[in-house]
Amino acid sequence: MERWELVGFVLVQEEALRVVLAEPELPVVAPDTGGVLSYADDTTAWLAKPTGAAFAAAVRAVIEQPVRAAMRTCVALERAATFHEDLVVPRFFSLLDTLHAQRLQAQAAATPDFIAGTLTGSSATSRKAR
């Protein structure tokens, strides 16, 4: 995958979440590939091959199936709410804190006592005498 494609998928994901949150009555039509599949599926969106014809067919399906569109939109809104920053940011920082603490513990376990500042044995005696 090219770098610009990856950026495009990220932007599509962010934009889709914005649309779901900002315009909750609008159904989502998204490509059936890439990162968007981490939260969009057949219960939350119309997934289409990344071609004009496939997207047009998905839009027609949305228009022809208003009840299904409303149901998918409702499920999408519920799923998007689980990505709200008030929920995600604290979990993200908690994960970072946990990973950092584990790294510090691993480093401390691998660091000899004299490097950690607690001199032991004869090297401690000879250094104190200086």
N, C-alpha and C. Protein backbone atom coordinates (compact mmCIF):
# COMPACT_ATOMS: atom_id res chain seq x y z
N MET A 1 0.85 -1.18 0.00
CA MET A 1 0.00 0.00 0.00
C MET A 1 0.89 1.24 0.00
N GLU A 2 0.59 2.16 -0.87
CA GLU A 2 1.35 3.40 -0.96
C GLU A 2 1.04 4.29 0.25
N ARG A 3 1.99 5.16 0.57
CA ARG A 3 1.81 6.04 1.72
C ARG A 3 0.57 6.92 1.57
N TRP A 4 0.36 7.47 0.36
CA TRP A 4 -0.81 8.34 0.17
C TRP A 4 -2.11 7.57 0.35
N GLU A 5 -2.10 6.25 0.02
CA GLU A 5 -3.30 5.45 0.23
C GLU A 5 -3.58 5.29 1.72
N LEU A 6 -2.52 5.05 2.50
CA LEU A 6 -2.67 4.91 3.94
C LEU A 6 -3.23 6.19 4.54
N VAL A 7 -2.67 7.33 4.14
CA VAL A 7 -3.18 8.61 4.63
C VAL A 7 -4.65 8.77 4.23
N GLY A 8 -4.96 8.39 3.02
CA GLY A 8 -6.35 8.48 2.56
C GLY A 8 -7.30 7.66 3.40
N PHE A 9 -6.89 6.44 3.76
CA PHE A 9 -7.75 5.60 4.59
C PHE A 9 -7.93 6.22 5.97
N VAL A 10 -6.88 6.76 6.54
CA VAL A 10 -7.00 7.41 7.85
C VAL A 10 -7.97 8.57 7.76
N LEU A 11 -7.83 9.37 6.71
CA LEU A 11 -8.73 10.51 6.55
C LEU A 11 -10.16 10.04 6.35
N VAL A 12 -10.35 8.96 5.60
CA VAL A 12 -11.71 8.41 5.41
C VAL A 12 -12.28 7.98 6.75
N GLN A 13 -11.46 7.31 7.56
CA GLN A 13 -11.94 6.86 8.87
C GLN A 13 -12.36 8.04 9.72
N GLU A 14 -11.48 9.04 9.81
CA GLU A 14 -11.80 10.20 10.63
C GLU A 14 -13.03 10.92 10.10
N GLU A 15 -13.10 11.07 8.80
CA GLU A 15 -14.24 11.76 8.21
C GLU A 15 -15.53 10.98 8.44
N ALA A 16 -15.47 9.67 8.30
CA ALA A 16 -16.67 8.85 8.53
C ALA A 16 -17.15 8.99 9.97
N LEU A 17 -16.22 8.98 10.92
CA LEU A 17 -16.62 9.17 12.31
C LEU A 17 -17.22 10.55 12.53
N ARG A 18 -16.62 11.56 11.89
CA ARG A 18 -17.17 12.92 12.02
C ARG A 18 -18.58 12.99 11.46
N VAL A 19 -18.79 12.36 10.31
CA VAL A 19 -20.12 12.38 9.69
C VAL A 19 -21.12 11.69 10.59
N VAL A 20 -20.75 10.53 11.12
CA VAL A 20 -21.67 9.80 11.99
C VAL A 20 -22.01 10.62 13.22
N LEU A 21 -21.03 11.30 13.79
CA LEU A 21 -21.29 12.08 15.00
C LEU A 21 -21.97 13.42 14.69
N ALA A 22 -21.57 14.07 13.60
CA ALA A 22 -22.11 15.39 13.28
C ALA A 22 -23.45 15.31 12.57
N GLU A 23 -23.63 14.30 11.76
CA GLU A 23 -24.87 14.13 10.99
C GLU A 23 -25.41 12.73 11.23
N PRO A 24 -25.94 12.47 12.43
CA PRO A 24 -26.31 11.11 12.80
C PRO A 24 -27.40 10.51 11.94
N GLU A 25 -28.10 11.31 11.17
CA GLU A 25 -29.15 10.74 10.32
C GLU A 25 -28.63 10.27 8.97
N LEU A 26 -27.34 10.52 8.69
CA LEU A 26 -26.78 10.13 7.40
C LEU A 26 -26.12 8.76 7.46
N PRO A 27 -26.50 7.86 6.58
CA PRO A 27 -25.82 6.56 6.51
C PRO A 27 -24.42 6.72 5.95
N VAL A 28 -23.56 5.76 6.24
CA VAL A 28 -22.18 5.80 5.78
C VAL A 28 -21.99 4.78 4.65
N VAL A 29 -21.39 5.24 3.56
CA VAL A 29 -20.94 4.37 2.48
C VAL A 29 -19.42 4.47 2.50
N ALA A 30 -18.76 3.33 2.64
CA ALA A 30 -17.30 3.33 2.80
C ALA A 30 -16.69 2.21 1.97
N PRO A 31 -15.38 2.31 1.70
CA PRO A 31 -14.72 1.23 0.96
C PRO A 31 -14.63 -0.03 1.81
N ASP A 32 -14.67 -1.17 1.14
CA ASP A 32 -14.64 -2.45 1.85
C ASP A 32 -13.21 -2.95 2.07
N THR A 33 -12.30 -2.02 2.24
CA THR A 33 -10.89 -2.38 2.40
C THR A 33 -10.22 -1.35 3.30
N GLY A 34 -9.12 -1.75 3.89
CA GLY A 34 -8.33 -0.81 4.68
C GLY A 34 -8.80 -0.66 6.11
N GLY A 35 -8.28 0.38 6.74
CA GLY A 35 -8.51 0.61 8.16
C GLY A 35 -9.94 0.89 8.54
N VAL A 36 -10.73 1.35 7.60
CA VAL A 36 -12.13 1.65 7.90
C VAL A 36 -12.85 0.40 8.43
N LEU A 37 -12.35 -0.77 8.06
CA LEU A 37 -12.98 -2.01 8.50
C LEU A 37 -12.76 -2.30 9.98
N SER A 38 -11.93 -1.50 10.64
CA SER A 38 -11.74 -1.69 12.07
C SER A 38 -12.97 -1.25 12.86
N TYR A 39 -13.84 -0.47 12.27
CA TYR A 39 -15.07 -0.10 12.96
C TYR A 39 -16.30 -0.14 12.07
N ALA A 40 -16.15 -0.18 10.77
CA ALA A 40 -17.30 -0.24 9.87
C ALA A 40 -17.47 -1.66 9.35
N ASP A 41 -18.71 -2.10 9.37
CA ASP A 41 -19.03 -3.41 8.83
C ASP A 41 -20.45 -3.36 8.27
N ASP A 42 -21.01 -4.50 7.94
CA ASP A 42 -22.35 -4.52 7.33
C ASP A 42 -23.46 -4.13 8.29
N THR A 43 -23.16 -3.96 9.56
CA THR A 43 -24.19 -3.51 10.51
C THR A 43 -24.17 -2.00 10.69
N THR A 44 -23.10 -1.34 10.24
CA THR A 44 -22.95 0.10 10.48
C THR A 44 -22.84 0.93 9.20
N ALA A 45 -22.60 0.28 8.07
CA ALA A 45 -22.34 1.04 6.84
C ALA A 45 -22.62 0.16 5.63
N TRP A 46 -22.65 0.80 4.49
CA TRP A 46 -22.66 0.08 3.23
C TRP A 46 -21.22 0.06 2.76
N LEU A 47 -20.66 -1.13 2.68
CA LEU A 47 -19.27 -1.28 2.25
C LEU A 47 -19.27 -1.61 0.77
N ALA A 48 -18.42 -0.92 0.03
CA ALA A 48 -18.38 -1.09 -1.42
C ALA A 48 -16.94 -1.20 -1.89
N LYS A 49 -16.77 -1.90 -3.01
CA LYS A 49 -15.47 -1.92 -3.66
C LYS A 49 -15.11 -0.47 -3.99
N PRO A 50 -13.84 -0.12 -3.94
CA PRO A 50 -13.46 1.28 -4.19
C PRO A 50 -13.51 1.66 -5.67
N THR A 51 -14.71 1.56 -6.24
CA THR A 51 -14.94 1.99 -7.61
C THR A 51 -16.17 2.87 -7.64
N GLY A 52 -16.25 3.71 -8.65
CA GLY A 52 -17.42 4.59 -8.77
C GLY A 52 -18.72 3.81 -8.87
N ALA A 53 -18.71 2.75 -9.68
CA ALA A 53 -19.93 1.96 -9.87
C ALA A 53 -20.39 1.30 -8.57
N ALA A 54 -19.44 0.77 -7.82
CA ALA A 54 -19.79 0.10 -6.56
C ALA A 54 -20.33 1.10 -5.54
N PHE A 55 -19.70 2.28 -5.48
CA PHE A 55 -20.20 3.29 -4.56
C PHE A 55 -21.59 3.76 -4.97
N ALA A 56 -21.82 3.92 -6.27
CA ALA A 56 -23.15 4.34 -6.76
C ALA A 56 -24.20 3.30 -6.39
N ALA A 57 -23.86 2.02 -6.53
CA ALA A 57 -24.80 0.96 -6.16
C ALA A 57 -25.10 1.00 -4.67
N ALA A 58 -24.07 1.27 -3.85
CA ALA A 58 -24.29 1.35 -2.40
C ALA A 58 -25.19 2.53 -2.05
N VAL A 59 -24.98 3.65 -2.71
CA VAL A 59 -25.84 4.82 -2.45
C VAL A 59 -27.28 4.52 -2.87
N ARG A 60 -27.46 3.84 -4.00
CA ARG A 60 -28.81 3.45 -4.42
C ARG A 60 -29.45 2.54 -3.37
N ALA A 61 -28.67 1.61 -2.82
CA ALA A 61 -29.20 0.71 -1.79
C ALA A 61 -29.65 1.50 -0.56
N VAL A 62 -28.89 2.51 -0.18
CA VAL A 62 -29.27 3.36 0.96
C VAL A 62 -30.62 4.02 0.68
N ILE A 63 -30.77 4.56 -0.51
CA ILE A 63 -32.00 5.27 -0.87
C ILE A 63 -33.18 4.32 -0.96
N GLU A 64 -32.96 3.13 -1.49
CA GLU A 64 -34.04 2.15 -1.68
C GLU A 64 -34.41 1.41 -0.40
N GLN A 65 -33.59 1.48 0.62
CA GLN A 65 -33.84 0.74 1.86
C GLN A 65 -33.77 1.67 3.07
N PRO A 66 -34.73 2.58 3.20
CA PRO A 66 -34.64 3.58 4.27
C PRO A 66 -34.69 3.00 5.69
N VAL A 67 -35.42 1.92 5.88
CA VAL A 67 -35.48 1.32 7.22
C VAL A 67 -34.12 0.71 7.58
N ARG A 68 -33.55 -0.02 6.65
CA ARG A 68 -32.22 -0.60 6.89
C ARG A 68 -31.20 0.51 7.09
N ALA A 69 -31.34 1.59 6.31
CA ALA A 69 -30.41 2.72 6.47
C ALA A 69 -30.51 3.31 7.87
N ALA A 70 -31.72 3.47 8.35
CA ALA A 70 -31.91 4.02 9.70
C ALA A 70 -31.32 3.09 10.76
N MET A 71 -31.49 1.79 10.58
CA MET A 71 -30.96 0.83 11.55
C MET A 71 -29.43 0.86 11.56
N ARG A 72 -28.83 0.85 10.38
CA ARG A 72 -27.36 0.87 10.31
C ARG A 72 -26.82 2.18 10.86
N THR A 73 -27.50 3.25 10.58
CA THR A 73 -27.06 4.55 11.08
C THR A 73 -27.11 4.59 12.60
N CYS A 74 -28.14 4.01 13.17
CA CYS A 74 -28.27 3.97 14.64
C CYS A 74 -27.13 3.14 15.25
N VAL A 75 -26.84 1.99 14.67
CA VAL A 75 -25.75 1.15 15.16
C VAL A 75 -24.41 1.88 14.99
N ALA A 76 -24.25 2.57 13.86
CA ALA A 76 -23.00 3.32 13.61
C ALA A 76 -22.82 4.42 14.65
N LEU A 77 -23.89 5.10 15.01
CA LEU A 77 -23.80 6.16 16.00
C LEU A 77 -23.40 5.59 17.36
N GLU A 78 -23.97 4.44 17.72
CA GLU A 78 -23.59 3.79 18.98
C GLU A 78 -22.11 3.40 18.96
N ARG A 79 -21.66 2.84 17.86
CA ARG A 79 -20.25 2.44 17.76
C ARG A 79 -19.34 3.66 17.79
N ALA A 80 -19.71 4.71 17.07
CA ALA A 80 -18.88 5.92 17.04
C ALA A 80 -18.76 6.52 18.43
N ALA A 81 -19.81 6.43 19.23
CA ALA A 81 -19.77 6.98 20.59
C ALA A 81 -18.70 6.29 21.43
N THR A 82 -18.40 5.03 21.13
CA THR A 82 -17.37 4.32 21.89
C THR A 82 -15.98 4.85 21.57
N PHE A 83 -15.85 5.63 20.48
CA PHE A 83 -14.57 6.23 20.11
C PHE A 83 -14.47 7.69 20.56
N HIS A 84 -15.43 8.15 21.34
CA HIS A 84 -15.42 9.55 21.78
C HIS A 84 -14.17 9.81 22.61
N GLU A 85 -13.61 11.00 22.43
CA GLU A 85 -12.35 11.31 23.10
C GLU A 85 -12.44 11.22 24.62
N ASP A 86 -13.59 11.47 25.20
CA ASP A 86 -13.73 11.37 26.66
C ASP A 86 -13.53 9.93 27.14
N LEU A 87 -13.78 8.97 26.26
CA LEU A 87 -13.57 7.57 26.61
C LEU A 87 -12.20 7.07 26.15
N VAL A 88 -11.79 7.47 24.97
CA VAL A 88 -10.58 6.93 24.37
C VAL A 88 -9.31 7.51 24.98
N VAL A 89 -9.27 8.81 25.20
CA VAL A 89 -8.05 9.45 25.68
C VAL A 89 -7.61 8.92 27.04
N PRO A 90 -8.50 8.81 28.03
CA PRO A 90 -8.05 8.24 29.31
C PRO A 90 -7.55 6.80 29.18
N ARG A 91 -8.20 6.00 28.34
CA ARG A 91 -7.73 4.62 28.14
C ARG A 91 -6.37 4.60 27.47
N PHE A 92 -6.17 5.49 26.51
CA PHE A 92 -4.90 5.57 25.81
C PHE A 92 -3.78 5.94 26.78
N PHE A 93 -3.99 6.96 27.61
CA PHE A 93 -2.96 7.38 28.55
C PHE A 93 -2.73 6.33 29.63
N SER A 94 -3.76 5.63 30.04
CA SER A 94 -3.60 4.54 31.00
C SER A 94 -2.72 3.44 30.40
N LEU A 95 -2.95 3.12 29.14
CA LEU A 95 -2.12 2.13 28.46
C LEU A 95 -0.67 2.60 28.38
N LEU A 96 -0.47 3.87 28.03
CA LEU A 96 0.89 4.40 27.97
C LEU A 96 1.56 4.35 29.34
N ASP A 97 0.84 4.70 30.40
CA ASP A 97 1.39 4.64 31.75
C ASP A 97 1.80 3.21 32.11
N THR A 98 0.96 2.25 31.78
CA THR A 98 1.25 0.85 32.07
C THR A 98 2.49 0.38 31.31
N LEU A 99 2.54 0.71 30.02
CA LEU A 99 3.71 0.31 29.22
C LEU A 99 4.99 0.97 29.73
N HIS A 100 4.90 2.23 30.12
CA HIS A 100 6.07 2.93 30.64
C HIS A 100 6.54 2.30 31.95
N ALA A 101 5.61 1.98 32.83
CA ALA A 101 5.97 1.35 34.11
C ALA A 101 6.62 -0.01 33.87
N GLN A 102 6.09 -0.78 32.93
CA GLN A 102 6.68 -2.08 32.61
C GLN A 102 8.09 -1.92 32.05
N ARG A 103 8.30 -0.92 31.23
CA ARG A 103 9.63 -0.67 30.66
C ARG A 103 10.62 -0.28 31.76
N LEU A 104 10.18 0.57 32.69
CA LEU A 104 11.05 0.97 33.79
C LEU A 104 11.41 -0.23 34.67
N GLN A 105 10.43 -1.09 34.93
CA GLN A 105 10.70 -2.28 35.73
C GLN A 105 11.70 -3.19 35.03
N ALA A 106 11.54 -3.36 33.73
CA ALA A 106 12.45 -4.21 32.97
C ALA A 106 13.86 -3.62 32.97
N GLN A 107 13.95 -2.32 32.83
CA GLN A 107 15.25 -1.66 32.84
C GLN A 107 15.91 -1.78 34.21
N ALA A 108 15.12 -1.59 35.26
CA ALA A 108 15.67 -1.69 36.62
C ALA A 108 16.17 -3.10 36.90
N ALA A 109 15.44 -4.10 36.42
CA ALA A 109 15.85 -5.49 36.65
C ALA A 109 17.12 -5.82 35.88
N ALA A 110 17.35 -5.16 34.77
CA ALA A 110 18.52 -5.45 33.94
C ALA A 110 19.71 -4.57 34.27
N THR A 111 19.53 -3.57 35.12
CA THR A 111 20.60 -2.62 35.44
C THR A 111 21.37 -3.08 36.66
N PRO A 112 22.70 -3.20 36.57
CA PRO A 112 23.50 -3.57 37.74
C PRO A 112 23.32 -2.53 38.86
N ASP A 113 23.48 -2.98 40.10
CA ASP A 113 23.27 -2.11 41.25
C ASP A 113 24.16 -0.87 41.22
N PHE A 114 25.42 -1.00 40.81
CA PHE A 114 26.31 0.17 40.85
C PHE A 114 25.89 1.25 39.87
N ILE A 115 25.23 0.88 38.79
CA ILE A 115 24.73 1.89 37.84
C ILE A 115 23.48 2.55 38.40
N ALA A 116 22.68 1.76 39.07
CA ALA A 116 21.44 2.29 39.62
C ALA A 116 21.68 3.20 40.81
N GLY A 117 22.93 3.28 41.32
CA GLY A 117 23.23 4.21 42.41
C GLY A 117 23.36 3.56 43.76
N THR A 118 23.21 2.27 43.84
CA THR A 118 23.37 1.58 45.13
C THR A 118 24.61 0.72 45.03
N LEU A 119 25.75 1.27 45.38
CA LEU A 119 27.03 0.58 45.28
C LEU A 119 27.10 -0.55 46.28
N THR A 120 27.66 -1.67 45.87
CA THR A 120 27.76 -2.82 46.75
C THR A 120 29.16 -3.39 46.70
N GLY A 121 29.50 -4.17 47.68
CA GLY A 121 30.75 -4.90 47.69
C GLY A 121 31.97 -4.00 47.79
N SER A 122 33.09 -4.50 47.33
CA SER A 122 34.36 -3.80 47.46
C SER A 122 34.41 -2.53 46.62
N SER A 123 33.70 -2.50 45.53
CA SER A 123 33.72 -1.29 44.71
C SER A 123 33.09 -0.12 45.47
N ALA A 124 32.13 -0.41 46.33
CA ALA A 124 31.50 0.66 47.10
C ALA A 124 32.48 1.20 48.12
N THR A 125 33.24 0.33 48.76
CA THR A 125 34.22 0.77 49.76
C THR A 125 35.30 1.61 49.12
N SER A 126 35.81 1.17 47.98
CA SER A 126 36.90 1.90 47.35
C SER A 126 36.42 3.25 46.83
N ARG A 127 35.21 3.36 46.38
CA ARG A 127 34.70 4.64 45.89
C ARG A 127 34.44 5.62 47.05
N LYS A 128 33.96 5.09 48.17
CA LYS A 128 33.68 5.97 49.31
C LYS A 128 34.96 6.56 49.88
N ALA A 129 36.04 5.80 49.78
CA ALA A 129 37.32 6.27 50.33
C ALA A 129 37.90 7.42 49.53
N ARG A 130 37.51 7.58 48.31
CA ARG A 130 38.07 8.65 47.46
C ARG A 130 37.60 9.99 47.84
